[in-house]
C-alpha atoms as a PDB file:
ATOM      1  CA  UNK A   1     -14.567 292.272  69.789  1.00  0.00           C
ATOM      2  CA  UNK A   2     -17.793 293.891  70.856  1.00  0.00           C
ATOM      3  CA  UNK A   3     -21.259 293.663  69.294  1.00  0.00           C
ATOM      4  CA  UNK A   4     -22.480 295.078  65.986  1.00  0.00           C
ATOM      5  CA  UNK A   5     -19.170 295.293  64.105  1.00  0.00           C
ATOM      6  CA  UNK A   6     -19.349 295.773  60.331  1.00  0.00           C
ATOM      7  CA  UNK A   7     -16.330 295.100  58.111  1.00  0.00           C
ATOM      8  CA  UNK A   8     -16.779 296.040  54.447  1.00  0.00           C
ATOM      9  CA  UNK A   9     -15.483 294.360  51.327  1.00  0.00           C
ATOM     10  CA  UNK A  10     -11.755 294.221  50.599  1.00  0.00           C
ATOM     11  CA  UNK A  11     -10.675 295.339  54.086  1.00  0.00           C
ATOM     12  CA  UNK A  12      -7.224 294.072  55.075  1.00  0.00           C
ATOM     13  CA  UNK A  13      -6.546 293.424  58.758  1.00  0.00           C
ATOM     14  CA  UNK A  14      -3.061 292.284  59.752  1.00  0.00           C
ATOM     15  CA  UNK A  15      -1.972 291.138  63.224  1.00  0.00           C
ATOM     16  CA  UNK A  16      -5.602 290.747  64.280  1.00  0.00           C
ATOM     17  CA  UNK A  17      -4.498 289.287  67.627  1.00  0.00           C
ATOM     18  CA  UNK A  18      -3.318 292.793  68.608  1.00  0.00           C
ATOM     19  CA  UNK A  19      -6.562 294.512  67.578  1.00  0.00           C
ATOM     20  CA  UNK A  20      -9.265 295.347  70.140  1.00  0.00           C
ATOM     21  CA  UNK A  21     -12.723 296.372  68.906  1.00  0.00           C
ATOM     22  CA  UNK A  22     -15.580 297.881  70.896  1.00  0.00           C
ATOM     23  CA  UNK A  23     -19.251 297.842  69.853  1.00  0.00           C
ATOM     24  CA  UNK A  24     -21.108 299.626  67.054  1.00  0.00           C
ATOM     25  CA  UNK A  25     -18.132 299.928  64.730  1.00  0.00           C
ATOM     26  CA  UNK A  26     -18.097 300.189  60.950  1.00  0.00           C
ATOM     27  CA  UNK A  27     -14.944 299.694  58.894  1.00  0.00           C
ATOM     28  CA  UNK A  28     -15.758 300.419  55.259  1.00  0.00           C
ATOM     29  CA  UNK A  29     -14.367 299.042  51.997  1.00  0.00           C
ATOM     30  CA  UNK A  30     -10.674 299.024  51.146  1.00  0.00           C
ATOM     31  CA  UNK A  31      -9.388 299.975  54.592  1.00  0.00           C
ATOM     32  CA  UNK A  32      -5.976 298.680  55.666  1.00  0.00           C
ATOM     33  CA  UNK A  33      -5.375 298.053  59.372  1.00  0.00           C
ATOM     34  CA  UNK A  34      -2.075 296.694  60.701  1.00  0.00           C
ATOM     35  CA  UNK A  35      -2.179 296.182  64.469  1.00  0.00           C
ATOM     36  CA  UNK A  36       1.442 295.039  64.839  1.00  0.00           C
ATOM     37  CA  UNK A  37       1.990 297.662  67.581  1.00  0.00           C
ATOM     38  CA  UNK A  38      -1.565 297.309  69.012  1.00  0.00           C
ATOM     39  CA  UNK A  39      -4.714 299.129  67.982  1.00  0.00           C
ATOM     40  CA  UNK A  40      -7.727 299.807  70.206  1.00  0.00           C
ATOM     41  CA  UNK A  41     -10.989 301.001  68.667  1.00  0.00           C
ATOM     42  CA  UNK A  42     -13.687 302.143  71.095  1.00  0.00           C
ATOM     43  CA  UNK A  43     -17.474 302.164  70.783  1.00  0.00           C
ATOM     44  CA  UNK A  44     -19.506 303.986  68.118  1.00  0.00           C
ATOM     45  CA  UNK A  45     -16.638 304.449  65.663  1.00  0.00           C
ATOM     46  CA  UNK A  46     -17.012 304.818  61.901  1.00  0.00           C
ATOM     47  CA  UNK A  47     -13.990 304.402  59.626  1.00  0.00           C
ATOM     48  CA  UNK A  48     -14.692 305.464  56.040  1.00  0.00           C
ATOM     49  CA  UNK A  49     -13.355 303.739  52.943  1.00  0.00           C
ATOM     50  CA  UNK A  50      -9.708 303.686  51.866  1.00  0.00           C
ATOM     51  CA  UNK A  51      -8.367 304.553  55.330  1.00  0.00           C
ATOM     52  CA  UNK A  52      -5.100 303.109  56.668  1.00  0.00           C
ATOM     53  CA  UNK A  53      -4.264 302.635  60.339  1.00  0.00           C
ATOM     54  CA  UNK A  54      -0.644 301.631  60.953  1.00  0.00           C
ATOM     55  CA  UNK A  55       0.729 300.924  64.445  1.00  0.00           C
ATOM     56  CA  UNK A  56       4.427 300.808  63.593  1.00  0.00           C
ATOM     57  CA  UNK A  57       6.987 302.746  61.575  1.00  0.00           C
ATOM     58  CA  UNK A  58      10.207 301.966  59.809  1.00  0.00           C
ATOM     59  CA  UNK A  59      13.539 303.176  61.154  1.00  0.00           C
ATOM     60  CA  UNK A  60      16.557 304.089  59.053  1.00  0.00           C
ATOM     61  CA  UNK A  61      19.429 304.291  61.539  1.00  0.00           C
ATOM     62  CA  UNK A  62      21.425 301.286  60.354  1.00  0.00           C
ATOM     63  CA  UNK A  63      23.152 302.527  57.206  1.00  0.00           C
ATOM     64  CA  UNK A  64      24.709 299.141  56.474  1.00  0.00           C
ATOM     65  CA  UNK A  65      21.391 297.679  55.297  1.00  0.00           C
ATOM     66  CA  UNK A  66      18.586 299.057  53.119  1.00  0.00           C
ATOM     67  CA  UNK A  67      15.905 301.030  54.980  1.00  0.00           C
ATOM     68  CA  UNK A  68      13.308 298.328  54.317  1.00  0.00           C
ATOM     69  CA  UNK A  69      15.431 295.899  56.383  1.00  0.00           C
ATOM     70  CA  UNK A  70      15.971 298.249  59.324  1.00  0.00           C
ATOM     71  CA  UNK A  71      13.990 297.389  62.463  1.00  0.00           C
ATOM     72  CA  UNK A  72      10.477 298.707  62.923  1.00  0.00           C
ATOM     73  CA  UNK A  73       9.316 300.709  65.932  1.00  0.00           C
ATOM     74  CA  UNK A  74       5.847 299.983  67.297  1.00  0.00           C
ATOM     75  CA  UNK A  75       3.420 302.589  68.605  1.00  0.00           C
ATOM     76  CA  UNK A  76      -0.091 301.911  69.881  1.00  0.00           C
ATOM     77  CA  UNK A  77      -3.053 303.583  68.161  1.00  0.00           C
ATOM     78  CA  UNK A  78      -6.220 304.360  70.123  1.00  0.00           C
ATOM     79  CA  UNK A  79      -9.467 305.517  68.536  1.00  0.00           C
ATOM     80  CA  UNK A  80     -11.623 306.451  71.520  1.00  0.00           C
ATOM     81  CA  UNK A  81     -15.438 306.374  71.647  1.00  0.00           C
ATOM     82  CA  UNK A  82     -17.647 308.300  69.177  1.00  0.00           C
ATOM     83  CA  UNK A  83     -15.034 308.906  66.469  1.00  0.00           C
ATOM     84  CA  UNK A  84     -15.662 309.406  62.760  1.00  0.00           C
ATOM     85  CA  UNK A  85     -12.719 308.893  60.419  1.00  0.00           C
ATOM     86  CA  UNK A  86     -13.323 310.345  56.944  1.00  0.00           C
ATOM     87  CA  UNK A  87     -12.403 308.678  53.669  1.00  0.00           C
ATOM     88  CA  UNK A  88      -8.794 308.154  52.701  1.00  0.00           C
ATOM     89  CA  UNK A  89      -7.225 309.063  56.041  1.00  0.00           C
ATOM     90  CA  UNK A  90      -3.841 307.825  57.207  1.00  0.00           C
ATOM     91  CA  UNK A  91      -3.537 307.243  60.942  1.00  0.00           C
ATOM     92  CA  UNK A  92       0.078 306.706  61.926  1.00  0.00           C
ATOM     93  CA  UNK A  93       1.588 304.962  64.935  1.00  0.00           C
ATOM     94  CA  UNK A  94       1.670 306.204  68.509  1.00  0.00           C
ATOM     95  CA  UNK A  95      -1.444 308.413  68.415  1.00  0.00           C
ATOM     96  CA  UNK A  96      -4.596 308.738  70.481  1.00  0.00           C
ATOM     97  CA  UNK A  97      -7.754 310.189  68.984  1.00  0.00           C
ATOM     98  CA  UNK A  98      -9.912 311.374  71.867  1.00  0.00           C
ATOM     99  CA  UNK A  99     -13.655 310.948  72.406  1.00  0.00           C
ATOM    100  CA  UNK A 100     -16.141 312.544  70.008  1.00  0.00           C
ATOM    101  CA  UNK A 101     -13.716 313.528  67.260  1.00  0.00           C
ATOM    102  CA  UNK A 102     -13.942 313.868  63.503  1.00  0.00           C
ATOM    103  CA  UNK A 103     -10.970 313.377  61.194  1.00  0.00           C
ATOM    104  CA  UNK A 104     -11.631 315.081  57.840  1.00  0.00           C
ATOM    105  CA  UNK A 105     -11.241 313.106  54.618  1.00  0.00           C
ATOM    106  CA  UNK A 106      -7.677 312.722  53.381  1.00  0.00           C
ATOM    107  CA  UNK A 107      -6.062 313.767  56.666  1.00  0.00           C
ATOM    108  CA  UNK A 108      -2.773 312.373  57.955  1.00  0.00           C
ATOM    109  CA  UNK A 109      -2.937 311.863  61.729  1.00  0.00           C
ATOM    110  CA  UNK A 110       0.612 311.971  63.115  1.00  0.00           C
ATOM    111  CA  UNK A 111      -0.120 313.314  66.614  1.00  0.00           C
ATOM    112  CA  UNK A 112      -2.751 313.024  69.327  1.00  0.00           C
ATOM    113  CA  UNK A 113      -6.192 314.565  68.800  1.00  0.00           C
ATOM    114  CA  UNK A 114      -7.876 316.057  71.890  1.00  0.00           C
ATOM    115  CA  UNK A 115     -11.481 315.042  72.613  1.00  0.00           C
ATOM    116  CA  UNK A 116     -14.284 317.048  70.964  1.00  0.00           C
ATOM    117  CA  UNK A 117     -12.161 318.239  68.044  1.00  0.00           C
ATOM    118  CA  UNK A 118     -12.439 318.217  64.259  1.00  0.00           C
ATOM    119  CA  UNK A 119      -9.040 317.901  62.580  1.00  0.00           C
ATOM    120  CA  UNK A 120      -7.945 317.895  58.952  1.00  0.00           C
ATOM    121  CA  UNK A 121      -4.968 318.418  56.684  1.00  0.00           C
ATOM    122  CA  UNK A 122      -1.580 316.901  55.950  1.00  0.00           C
ATOM    123  CA  UNK A 123      -0.407 316.731  58.667  1.00  0.00           C
ATOM    124  CA  UNK A 124      -3.483 317.387  60.789  1.00  0.00           C
ATOM    125  CA  UNK A 125      -4.319 320.645  62.472  1.00  0.00           C
ATOM    126  CA  UNK A 126      -7.335 321.471  64.632  1.00  0.00           C
ATOM    127  CA  UNK A 127     -10.215 322.916  62.624  1.00  0.00           C
ATOM    128  CA  UNK A 128     -12.986 323.285  65.209  1.00  0.00           C
ATOM    129  CA  UNK A 129     -14.062 322.269  68.714  1.00  0.00           C
ATOM    130  CA  UNK A 130     -17.352 320.364  68.919  1.00  0.00           C
END
């Protein structure tokens, strides 16, 4: 964990031993972060309220047991430097958000985001280069 890290009220962090934090980070109220598959957050990152970051996903291949008991598949999440995540976003496993990016409020990030890009939507699409 770097310096100057703010964690707001009612934030849930699971598997903290697999979470790496840079400096100058803010994680606002009611965020949910599960680092089971590893999460790296760079410097100068702001994560707005009610955002979820999940570094694993459920599988459903074994039909002999309910889906909730099927194995999970991990996938690292990287939020690079100078990233702003808007309110209520869902960042799914196995994605990299490049440097100097903005994720619009309510977006679902299910694929990599190139540096210097604003993305939004469900699922995300590029909105503008910055």
